[in-house]
Protein backbone atom coordinates (compact mmCIF):
# COMPACT_ATOMS: atom_id res chain seq x y z
CA MET A 1 -148.76 -104.45 -47.52
CA THR A 2 -149.08 -103.79 -43.99
CA LYS A 3 -151.96 -101.26 -43.46
CA ARG A 4 -150.20 -98.51 -40.78
CA PRO A 5 -152.02 -95.35 -39.96
CA PRO A 6 -150.19 -91.71 -40.65
CA GLU A 7 -149.68 -91.36 -36.93
CA THR A 8 -147.13 -94.10 -37.08
CA PHE A 9 -144.65 -92.65 -39.40
CA ASP A 10 -142.06 -91.69 -37.68
CA PRO A 11 -140.31 -88.34 -38.13
CA GLU A 12 -137.57 -89.94 -41.03
CA ILE A 13 -140.43 -91.44 -43.16
CA VAL A 14 -142.33 -87.83 -43.15
CA ALA A 15 -138.86 -86.31 -44.49
CA THR A 16 -138.85 -88.83 -47.04
CA LEU A 17 -142.64 -88.43 -47.64
CA ARG A 18 -141.79 -85.12 -48.28
CA GLN A 19 -139.22 -85.12 -50.54
CA VAL A 20 -141.47 -87.95 -52.35
CA LEU A 21 -143.80 -84.80 -52.68
CA ASP A 22 -141.39 -82.28 -53.95
CA ILE A 23 -140.02 -84.31 -56.36
CA ALA A 24 -143.74 -84.60 -58.01
CA VAL A 25 -144.06 -81.07 -57.85
CA GLU A 26 -141.82 -80.46 -60.39
CA HIS A 27 -143.36 -83.07 -62.71
CA ILE A 28 -146.42 -81.21 -62.57
CA ALA A 29 -147.49 -78.09 -64.81
CA LEU A 30 -146.52 -74.71 -63.35
CA GLU A 31 -149.97 -73.96 -63.64
CA ASN A 32 -151.23 -77.04 -61.25
CA ARG A 33 -148.44 -75.82 -58.52
CA THR A 34 -151.21 -74.50 -56.19
CA PRO A 35 -151.06 -75.04 -52.40
CA ALA A 36 -154.79 -76.74 -53.00
CA THR A 37 -153.36 -78.96 -55.64
CA LYS A 38 -149.78 -79.99 -53.45
CA ALA A 39 -152.00 -80.51 -50.49
CA LYS A 40 -154.07 -82.77 -52.74
CA MET A 41 -151.07 -84.69 -53.82
CA ALA A 42 -149.91 -85.18 -50.08
CA GLU A 43 -153.01 -86.64 -49.09
CA THR A 44 -151.99 -88.51 -51.95
CA ILE A 45 -148.73 -89.70 -50.64
CA VAL A 46 -150.01 -90.60 -47.03
CA ARG A 47 -152.93 -92.63 -48.05
CA GLU A 48 -150.95 -94.49 -50.44
CA ALA A 49 -147.72 -95.03 -47.95
CA ALA A 50 -150.28 -95.95 -44.98
CA GLU A 51 -151.57 -98.40 -47.16
CA GLY A 52 -148.46 -100.35 -47.78
CA VAL A 53 -146.75 -98.39 -50.62
CA THR A 54 -142.94 -98.15 -49.90
CA ASP A 55 -141.26 -97.40 -52.77
CA ALA A 56 -140.75 -93.96 -53.85
CA ASN A 57 -140.88 -93.93 -57.73
CA ASP A 58 -144.61 -95.57 -57.18
CA LEU A 59 -145.54 -92.87 -54.61
CA VAL A 60 -143.94 -90.41 -56.59
CA ALA A 61 -145.74 -91.80 -59.77
CA ARG A 62 -149.49 -91.65 -57.84
CA ALA A 63 -148.73 -88.46 -56.87
CA ILE A 64 -148.16 -87.16 -59.94
CA ARG A 65 -151.29 -88.48 -61.28
CA ALA A 66 -153.19 -86.73 -58.42
CA GLY A 67 -151.28 -83.46 -59.50
CA GLU A 68 -151.86 -83.57 -63.23
CA ILE A 69 -155.78 -82.53 -62.43
CA PRO A 70 -155.70 -79.37 -60.35
CA ALA A 71 -157.36 -78.79 -57.12
CA ALA A 72 -160.66 -76.98 -56.99
């Protein structure tokens, strides 16, 4: 896996990561769909992508796990 800083994400990758977030949010409990929890999920997606995770299904699963516990 290749690590890449988030600032190297081109617009197409950013759009894909946004789609990953949208899909993941649909899979968490309604009461957890707060801006803070969504931000936590987005951070998880960007961090994992920067560390080389490129499989969208894997990114969705990781974001869902992050969103299962509401952000403070």
